[in-house]
Amino acid sequence: MSNQPAERTLQSELLGREVQFNYSETWLAYSMLGLRVVIAWVFLQAGLEKLLTDGIGDPLAWSSTGFLQNAIADGNPLQGVFLFFAEYGAIVDPLVIFGQILIGLALLFGAFFRFAAMMGGVAVLNRCKA
């Protein structure tokens, strides 16, 4: 049995040209693990920072209301959705905070990985939309 890492060749078309390159499955796996840990840290750190904004005495002091009210321009068709969520900050804020913490923990430990990755993607796309 060989100890050499498994190599594969990817063949595709890019901008009308045939391209191919070799890649190592072993290093691809390590790269994906590193990316997963970094993204887990980003979500976990963001959630903990929001949770501990004013210290343990007031754990839900952070509010998304200002962002939700001012994130979307007047002509945007999603403005009503953001304003609707801004009215219910008492419900939205804990969902954002604990959602970020749970996504970070799930990505870090590999529990419910696909669901956590999907929810993280939705959270990022929602932030990019604004």
Protein backbone atom coordinates (compact mmCIF):
# COMPACT_ATOMS: atom_id res chain seq x y z
CA MET A 1 0.00 0.00 0.00
CA SER A 2 1.35 3.40 -0.96
CA ASN A 3 1.70 6.30 1.47
CA GLN A 4 1.45 8.83 -1.34
CA PRO A 5 -1.51 11.21 -1.12
CA ALA A 6 -4.26 10.55 -3.63
CA GLU A 7 -4.07 12.91 -6.57
CA ARG A 8 -6.82 13.73 -8.97
CA THR A 9 -7.05 15.81 -12.10
CA LEU A 10 -9.74 18.38 -12.63
CA GLN A 11 -10.63 19.11 -16.24
CA SER A 12 -12.96 21.97 -17.06
CA GLU A 13 -13.62 24.84 -19.41
CA LEU A 14 -12.83 28.34 -18.22
CA LEU A 15 -13.60 31.34 -20.42
CA GLY A 16 -13.75 29.13 -23.48
CA ARG A 17 -10.43 27.37 -22.84
CA GLU A 18 -9.90 23.84 -21.64
CA VAL A 19 -8.03 23.85 -18.33
CA GLN A 20 -6.80 21.05 -16.14
CA PHE A 21 -4.85 20.84 -12.93
CA ASN A 22 -3.85 18.21 -10.43
CA TYR A 23 -4.81 18.44 -6.79
CA SER A 24 -4.21 16.36 -3.70
CA GLU A 25 -7.24 15.01 -1.87
CA THR A 26 -5.28 15.06 1.38
CA TRP A 27 -4.39 18.74 1.18
CA LEU A 28 -7.88 19.60 -0.02
CA ALA A 29 -9.28 17.98 3.12
CA TYR A 30 -6.85 19.90 5.35
CA SER A 31 -7.72 23.14 3.58
CA MET A 32 -11.43 22.58 4.07
CA LEU A 33 -10.88 21.80 7.75
CA GLY A 34 -8.90 25.03 8.16
CA LEU A 35 -11.59 27.03 6.38
CA ARG A 36 -14.29 25.46 8.55
CA VAL A 37 -12.41 26.34 11.75
CA VAL A 38 -11.86 29.94 10.64
CA ILE A 39 -15.51 30.44 9.68
CA ALA A 40 -16.59 28.80 12.96
CA TRP A 41 -14.41 31.26 14.87
CA VAL A 42 -15.88 34.23 12.97
CA PHE A 43 -19.45 33.24 13.84
CA LEU A 44 -18.62 32.26 17.42
CA GLN A 45 -16.68 35.47 18.07
CA ALA A 46 -19.44 37.64 16.57
CA GLY A 47 -22.12 35.98 18.69
CA LEU A 48 -20.11 36.13 21.91
CA GLU A 49 -19.19 39.76 21.29
CA LYS A 50 -22.86 40.64 20.91
CA LEU A 51 -23.80 38.60 23.98
CA LEU A 52 -21.15 40.24 26.16
CA THR A 53 -21.54 43.82 24.86
CA ASP A 54 -22.39 45.28 28.28
CA GLY A 55 -21.03 42.41 30.30
CA ILE A 56 -22.76 39.50 31.96
CA GLY A 57 -25.08 41.84 33.91
CA ASP A 58 -27.07 42.70 30.77
CA PRO A 59 -26.42 39.89 28.28
CA LEU A 60 -28.87 41.11 25.63
CA ALA A 61 -27.84 44.77 25.51
CA TRP A 62 -26.91 44.55 21.82
CA SER A 63 -29.72 45.51 19.47
CA SER A 64 -30.21 45.03 15.74
CA THR A 65 -32.99 47.63 15.54
CA GLY A 66 -30.77 50.48 14.30
CA PHE A 67 -29.24 48.31 11.59
CA LEU A 68 -32.59 46.95 10.46
CA GLN A 69 -34.16 50.43 10.27
CA ASN A 70 -31.33 52.00 8.28
CA ALA A 71 -29.83 49.16 6.24
CA ILE A 72 -32.11 49.32 3.21
CA ALA A 73 -32.65 52.30 0.94
CA ASP A 74 -36.18 53.67 0.52
CA GLY A 75 -36.73 52.26 -2.97
CA ASN A 76 -35.65 48.70 -2.11
CA PRO A 77 -38.47 46.12 -2.24
CA LEU A 78 -37.10 44.43 0.93
CA GLN A 79 -37.34 47.59 3.03
CA GLY A 80 -40.69 46.50 4.47
CA VAL A 81 -39.28 43.16 5.60
CA PHE A 82 -36.37 44.81 7.42
CA LEU A 83 -38.68 47.37 9.05
CA PHE A 84 -41.03 44.57 10.14
CA PHE A 85 -38.15 42.75 11.86
CA ALA A 86 -36.96 46.04 13.42
CA GLU A 87 -40.29 46.32 15.25
CA TYR A 88 -39.69 42.94 16.91
CA GLY A 89 -36.15 43.47 18.19
CA ALA A 90 -36.90 41.62 21.42
CA ILE A 91 -37.41 38.45 19.37
CA VAL A 92 -34.89 39.05 16.58
CA ASP A 93 -31.92 40.02 18.78
CA PRO A 94 -31.68 36.76 20.78
CA LEU A 95 -32.19 34.77 17.56
CA VAL A 96 -29.25 36.57 15.94
CA ILE A 97 -26.99 36.28 18.98
CA PHE A 98 -27.65 32.65 19.85
CA GLY A 99 -27.90 31.70 16.17
CA GLN A 100 -24.37 32.97 15.56
CA ILE A 101 -23.06 31.18 18.64
CA LEU A 102 -24.74 27.90 17.69
CA ILE A 103 -23.55 28.12 14.07
CA GLY A 104 -19.99 28.72 15.28
CA LEU A 105 -20.12 25.79 17.71
CA ALA A 106 -21.70 23.46 15.15
CA LEU A 107 -19.06 24.30 12.54
CA LEU A 108 -16.26 23.98 15.09
CA PHE A 109 -17.32 20.58 16.41
CA GLY A 110 -18.83 19.22 13.21
CA ALA A 111 -22.29 18.67 14.71
CA PHE A 112 -25.15 19.28 12.25
CA PHE A 113 -22.48 20.55 9.87
CA ARG A 114 -24.61 20.86 6.73
CA PHE A 115 -27.45 22.60 8.53
CA ALA A 116 -25.02 24.98 10.25
CA ALA A 117 -23.29 25.74 6.96
CA MET A 118 -26.63 26.46 5.29
CA MET A 119 -27.79 28.74 8.13
CA GLY A 120 -24.42 30.52 8.14
CA GLY A 121 -24.74 31.09 4.41
CA VAL A 122 -28.25 32.50 4.86
CA ALA A 123 -26.98 34.82 7.61
CA VAL A 124 -24.11 36.05 5.44
CA LEU A 125 -26.34 36.57 2.39
CA ASN A 126 -28.87 38.44 4.51
CA ARG A 127 -26.09 40.73 5.73
CA CYS A 128 -24.77 41.23 2.16
CA LYS A 129 -28.24 42.10 0.88
CA ALA A 130 -28.42 45.07 3.21
